[in-house]
Protein backbone atom coordinates (compact mmCIF):
# COMPACT_ATOMS: atom_id res chain seq x y z
CA MET A 1 -70.98 -54.05 37.72
CA ALA A 2 -69.01 -55.13 34.85
CA SER A 3 -68.58 -53.59 31.34
CA GLU A 4 -67.87 -54.88 28.15
CA LEU A 5 -65.18 -53.19 25.82
CA LYS A 6 -65.07 -54.49 22.16
CA VAL A 7 -62.02 -54.11 19.90
CA GLN A 8 -62.23 -53.91 16.27
CA ILE A 9 -59.61 -54.10 13.71
CA SER A 10 -59.81 -53.42 10.00
CA VAL A 11 -57.73 -55.24 7.54
CA ASP A 12 -57.75 -55.55 3.69
CA VAL A 13 -57.57 -58.91 2.13
CA LEU A 14 -56.07 -57.99 -1.35
CA GLU A 15 -54.99 -59.96 -4.79
CA THR A 16 -51.53 -59.36 -5.74
CA SER A 17 -52.80 -57.19 -8.50
CA GLU A 18 -54.06 -54.94 -5.88
CA LEU A 19 -50.74 -54.37 -3.87
CA SER A 20 -48.90 -51.01 -4.75
CA ALA A 21 -45.60 -51.27 -6.65
CA GLN A 22 -43.68 -50.57 -3.58
CA GLU A 23 -45.84 -53.28 -1.69
CA GLN A 24 -45.11 -55.71 -4.19
CA GLN A 25 -41.40 -55.10 -4.13
CA ALA A 26 -41.31 -55.36 -0.45
CA MET A 27 -43.19 -58.70 -0.68
CA GLN A 28 -40.92 -59.82 -3.13
CA LEU A 29 -37.89 -58.89 -0.87
CA ALA A 30 -39.62 -60.67 2.02
CA GLN A 31 -39.72 -63.75 -0.25
CA ASP A 32 -36.06 -63.39 -0.85
CA ALA A 33 -35.29 -62.98 2.56
CA ALA A 34 -37.14 -66.33 3.64
CA ASN A 35 -35.41 -68.21 1.02
CA ASP A 36 -31.88 -67.00 2.67
CA ALA A 37 -33.24 -68.08 6.16
CA TYR A 38 -31.02 -70.00 8.43
CA ALA A 39 -33.73 -72.54 9.60
CA PRO A 40 -32.14 -75.99 9.59
CA TYR A 41 -34.00 -77.35 12.53
CA SER A 42 -37.66 -76.24 11.81
CA ASN A 43 -37.12 -75.75 7.94
CA PHE A 44 -39.83 -73.06 8.40
CA LEU A 45 -38.34 -70.07 6.41
CA VAL A 46 -39.54 -66.44 7.45
CA GLY A 47 -38.80 -63.29 5.80
CA ALA A 48 -39.33 -59.70 6.57
CA ALA A 49 -38.89 -56.62 4.38
CA LEU A 50 -39.01 -53.04 5.62
CA LEU A 51 -39.84 -50.27 3.18
CA LEU A 52 -38.46 -46.98 4.48
CA GLU A 53 -39.22 -43.40 4.09
CA ASP A 54 -36.41 -42.79 1.33
CA GLY A 55 -38.13 -45.86 -0.86
CA THR A 56 -35.05 -48.00 0.42
CA LEU A 57 -36.12 -51.58 1.15
CA PHE A 58 -34.09 -53.52 4.23
CA LYS A 59 -34.70 -57.28 4.81
CA GLY A 60 -34.40 -59.85 7.53
CA SER A 61 -34.77 -63.67 8.07
CA ASN A 62 -35.24 -65.87 10.86
CA GLN A 63 -32.02 -67.45 12.09
CA GLU A 64 -32.25 -70.58 14.36
CA ASN A 65 -29.89 -72.15 16.64
CA ALA A 66 -29.31 -75.59 18.08
CA ALA A 67 -29.96 -73.99 21.42
CA TYR A 68 -33.48 -72.91 20.28
CA PRO A 69 -33.98 -69.91 22.46
CA SER A 70 -31.08 -68.37 21.00
CA GLY A 71 -32.67 -67.94 17.64
CA LEU A 72 -34.41 -64.68 16.30
CA CYS A 73 -37.54 -64.33 14.17
CA ALA A 74 -37.24 -62.37 10.53
CA GLU A 75 -39.20 -59.37 11.82
CA ARG A 76 -36.90 -58.75 14.71
CA THR A 77 -33.88 -59.43 12.57
CA ALA A 78 -34.90 -56.66 10.23
CA LEU A 79 -35.94 -54.10 12.63
CA PHE A 80 -33.07 -54.56 14.96
CA ALA A 81 -30.49 -54.52 12.12
CA LEU A 82 -32.21 -51.29 10.60
CA SER A 83 -31.94 -49.66 14.14
CA ALA A 84 -28.22 -50.51 14.53
CA TYR A 85 -27.53 -49.05 10.93
CA HIS A 86 -30.10 -46.42 10.37
CA PRO A 87 -31.48 -45.43 13.86
CA HIS A 88 -33.60 -42.54 12.76
CA THR A 89 -35.02 -43.66 9.54
CA LYS A 90 -38.89 -43.94 9.44
CA ILE A 91 -40.42 -47.27 8.53
CA LYS A 92 -43.23 -46.88 5.89
CA LEU A 93 -44.17 -50.75 5.60
CA LEU A 94 -43.33 -54.22 7.00
CA ALA A 95 -43.92 -57.19 4.61
CA VAL A 96 -43.68 -60.80 6.12
CA THR A 97 -43.89 -64.04 4.41
CA ALA A 98 -43.11 -67.91 4.96
CA ARG A 99 -42.58 -71.10 3.36
CA ARG A 100 -41.63 -74.83 4.19
CA ARG A 101 -38.17 -75.43 2.89
CA GLN A 102 -39.35 -78.41 0.74
CA GLU A 103 -42.33 -76.32 -0.76
CA GLN A 104 -42.38 -73.52 -2.91
CA GLU A 105 -45.61 -71.87 -2.07
CA TYR A 106 -45.64 -69.41 0.45
CA LEU A 107 -47.81 -69.68 3.62
CA PRO A 108 -49.65 -67.33 5.62
CA ALA A 109 -47.29 -65.32 8.04
CA MET A 110 -48.43 -64.07 11.30
CA PRO A 111 -45.83 -62.42 13.48
CA CYS A 112 -45.52 -64.09 17.04
CA GLY A 113 -46.30 -62.38 20.16
CA ALA A 114 -42.44 -61.07 20.96
CA CYS A 115 -42.31 -59.76 17.44
CA ARG A 116 -45.65 -58.05 17.66
CA GLN A 117 -44.15 -55.95 21.03
CA VAL A 118 -41.02 -55.30 18.94
CA MET A 119 -43.11 -54.16 16.24
CA ALA A 120 -45.19 -51.97 18.45
CA GLU A 121 -42.16 -50.48 20.00
CA TYR A 122 -40.74 -49.13 16.58
CA GLU A 123 -44.09 -47.76 15.54
CA HIS A 124 -44.43 -45.99 18.98
CA LYS A 125 -40.76 -44.58 18.30
CA GLN A 126 -41.45 -43.11 15.02
CA GLN A 127 -44.60 -41.95 16.48
CA GLU A 128 -46.61 -42.80 13.20
CA PRO A 129 -48.30 -46.07 11.98
CA ILE A 130 -46.50 -48.75 10.23
CA PRO A 131 -48.73 -50.63 8.18
CA VAL A 132 -48.07 -54.17 8.03
CA LEU A 133 -48.51 -56.35 4.85
CA LEU A 134 -48.60 -60.43 5.67
CA GLN A 135 -48.78 -63.33 3.42
CA ALA A 136 -52.30 -64.64 3.57
CA PRO A 137 -53.93 -67.87 2.52
CA ASP A 138 -54.63 -68.74 -1.04
CA GLY A 139 -51.94 -66.45 -2.43
CA LYS A 140 -53.78 -63.26 -1.13
CA PHE A 141 -52.14 -60.71 1.63
CA TYR A 142 -53.52 -58.99 4.50
CA ARG A 143 -52.78 -55.19 4.85
CA PHE A 144 -53.06 -53.83 8.46
CA LYS A 145 -52.94 -50.08 8.91
CA ALA A 146 -50.88 -50.33 11.72
CA VAL A 147 -49.01 -52.61 14.05
CA ALA A 148 -51.61 -51.33 16.76
CA ASP A 149 -54.21 -53.42 14.94
CA LEU A 150 -52.23 -56.68 15.59
CA LEU A 151 -51.41 -55.90 19.00
CA PRO A 152 -54.11 -53.61 20.86
CA PHE A 153 -53.36 -52.88 24.46
CA GLN A 154 -49.73 -52.62 23.66
CA PHE A 155 -47.19 -52.10 26.45
CA ASN A 156 -45.10 -49.27 26.13
CA LYS A 157 -42.91 -46.75 27.79
CA GLU A 158 -45.94 -44.89 29.07
CA HIS A 159 -46.41 -47.84 31.26
CA LEU A 160 -43.21 -47.82 33.09
């Protein structure tokens, strides 16, 4: 007999004034990173910022290529660069935003599946949750307590 398993996530929907000072700084850096994105083909600018355990902020932006599969999303750019330069530093927050090149307004930013899997790998690696702050509609923000909320039923090294 089949059974049903329900998965629930909790996400806070916040106004700018409800973000902590560090969350505001991280989102501002994500916006700055989006403005620096190399996206001549899609004109869709994405920025990510990582708040590290020592308070340092680290950023990444999407990087496109004429051979489309050769590009890389902002989230993975930030995470891979951080791992290359600071492989043992824990991440306390990941912030993501996006906008269209011709517009000033920031848009809802949802990580793609590949980015969610990489984010999950780093959360698993550091053995503690990485909160995720995403740009939401109408100038609001979504705050997830962990990457696991964005990717339940994760594949990780225990499955190998």
